[in-house]
């Protein structure tokens, strides 16, 4: 299934603790299905930059559950 990226925010919810050393920075990504239903997922922030995934892009999930363009 293909989704539209509606919003990307840095995941700032670490609970009572700070992010553990060595833990990647995560992003909260809001996706919209063609039906209009929205889904919220967490993805590595660096991966989104590396794959040039931005608001407005069409994305799907690869075999590892990571977002890919197209």
C-alpha atoms as a PDB file:
ATOM      1  CA  UNK A   1       0.000   0.000   0.000  1.00  0.00           C
ATOM      2  CA  UNK A   2       1.146   3.523  -0.755  1.00  0.00           C
ATOM      3  CA  UNK A   3       0.793   6.303   1.812  1.00  0.00           C
ATOM      4  CA  UNK A   4       1.211  10.092   1.703  1.00  0.00           C
ATOM      5  CA  UNK A   5       3.532  11.608   4.307  1.00  0.00           C
ATOM      6  CA  UNK A   6       1.425  14.193   6.148  1.00  0.00           C
ATOM      7  CA  UNK A   7       3.830  15.238   8.907  1.00  0.00           C
ATOM      8  CA  UNK A   8       7.255  14.390  10.363  1.00  0.00           C
ATOM      9  CA  UNK A   9       8.205  15.332  13.933  1.00  0.00           C
ATOM     10  CA  UNK A  10      11.163  14.428  16.112  1.00  0.00           C
ATOM     11  CA  UNK A  11      10.156  11.855  18.739  1.00  0.00           C
ATOM     12  CA  UNK A  12      10.687  13.678  22.021  1.00  0.00           C
ATOM     13  CA  UNK A  13       8.896  11.177  24.282  1.00  0.00           C
ATOM     14  CA  UNK A  14      11.588   9.399  26.305  1.00  0.00           C
ATOM     15  CA  UNK A  15       9.440   8.864  29.384  1.00  0.00           C
ATOM     16  CA  UNK A  16      11.185   9.847  32.627  1.00  0.00           C
ATOM     17  CA  UNK A  17      14.638   9.232  31.152  1.00  0.00           C
ATOM     18  CA  UNK A  18      16.653  10.839  28.402  1.00  0.00           C
ATOM     19  CA  UNK A  19      17.376   8.891  25.238  1.00  0.00           C
ATOM     20  CA  UNK A  20      19.845   6.108  26.019  1.00  0.00           C
ATOM     21  CA  UNK A  21      23.359   6.456  24.622  1.00  0.00           C
ATOM     22  CA  UNK A  22      23.654   4.813  21.221  1.00  0.00           C
ATOM     23  CA  UNK A  23      19.900   4.863  20.620  1.00  0.00           C
ATOM     24  CA  UNK A  24      19.114   6.437  17.238  1.00  0.00           C
ATOM     25  CA  UNK A  25      17.033   9.609  17.057  1.00  0.00           C
ATOM     26  CA  UNK A  26      13.551   8.601  15.984  1.00  0.00           C
ATOM     27  CA  UNK A  27      10.916  10.555  14.087  1.00  0.00           C
ATOM     28  CA  UNK A  28       7.149  10.320  14.403  1.00  0.00           C
ATOM     29  CA  UNK A  29       5.702  10.075  10.886  1.00  0.00           C
ATOM     30  CA  UNK A  30       2.011  10.599  10.166  1.00  0.00           C
ATOM     31  CA  UNK A  31       0.932   8.722   7.051  1.00  0.00           C
ATOM     32  CA  UNK A  32      -2.357   8.973   5.189  1.00  0.00           C
ATOM     33  CA  UNK A  33      -3.873   6.082   3.277  1.00  0.00           C
ATOM     34  CA  UNK A  34      -5.752   6.702   0.018  1.00  0.00           C
ATOM     35  CA  UNK A  35      -8.993   6.173   2.018  1.00  0.00           C
ATOM     36  CA  UNK A  36      -8.061   9.163   4.230  1.00  0.00           C
ATOM     37  CA  UNK A  37      -7.271   7.074   7.319  1.00  0.00           C
ATOM     38  CA  UNK A  38      -4.125   8.203   9.121  1.00  0.00           C
ATOM     39  CA  UNK A  39      -1.454   6.001  10.674  1.00  0.00           C
ATOM     40  CA  UNK A  40       1.349   7.074  13.028  1.00  0.00           C
ATOM     41  CA  UNK A  41       4.712   5.254  12.885  1.00  0.00           C
ATOM     42  CA  UNK A  42       8.164   5.772  14.399  1.00  0.00           C
ATOM     43  CA  UNK A  43      11.120   5.624  12.010  1.00  0.00           C
ATOM     44  CA  UNK A  44      14.850   6.412  12.387  1.00  0.00           C
ATOM     45  CA  UNK A  45      15.330  10.115  11.672  1.00  0.00           C
ATOM     46  CA  UNK A  46      18.690   9.577   9.888  1.00  0.00           C
ATOM     47  CA  UNK A  47      17.078   7.004   7.565  1.00  0.00           C
ATOM     48  CA  UNK A  48      14.410   9.512   6.539  1.00  0.00           C
ATOM     49  CA  UNK A  49      17.151  12.014   5.624  1.00  0.00           C
ATOM     50  CA  UNK A  50      19.219   9.377   3.815  1.00  0.00           C
ATOM     51  CA  UNK A  51      16.190   8.240   1.799  1.00  0.00           C
ATOM     52  CA  UNK A  52      15.099  11.874   1.257  1.00  0.00           C
ATOM     53  CA  UNK A  53      11.617  11.213   2.611  1.00  0.00           C
ATOM     54  CA  UNK A  54       9.739  14.471   3.170  1.00  0.00           C
ATOM     55  CA  UNK A  55       6.217  15.745   3.814  1.00  0.00           C
ATOM     56  CA  UNK A  56       4.105  15.236   0.684  1.00  0.00           C
ATOM     57  CA  UNK A  57       6.054  12.195  -0.563  1.00  0.00           C
ATOM     58  CA  UNK A  58       4.415   8.903  -1.488  1.00  0.00           C
ATOM     59  CA  UNK A  59       5.909   6.036   0.541  1.00  0.00           C
ATOM     60  CA  UNK A  60       5.455   2.351   1.303  1.00  0.00           C
ATOM     61  CA  UNK A  61       7.078  -0.111   3.695  1.00  0.00           C
ATOM     62  CA  UNK A  62      10.004  -2.391   2.764  1.00  0.00           C
ATOM     63  CA  UNK A  63      10.483  -5.950   4.056  1.00  0.00           C
ATOM     64  CA  UNK A  64      12.027  -4.642   7.313  1.00  0.00           C
ATOM     65  CA  UNK A  65       9.116  -2.289   8.008  1.00  0.00           C
ATOM     66  CA  UNK A  66      11.080   0.822   7.028  1.00  0.00           C
ATOM     67  CA  UNK A  67       9.663   3.538   4.786  1.00  0.00           C
ATOM     68  CA  UNK A  68      10.772   3.817   1.160  1.00  0.00           C
ATOM     69  CA  UNK A  69       9.807   6.384  -1.463  1.00  0.00           C
ATOM     70  CA  UNK A  70       7.518   5.418  -4.298  1.00  0.00           C
END
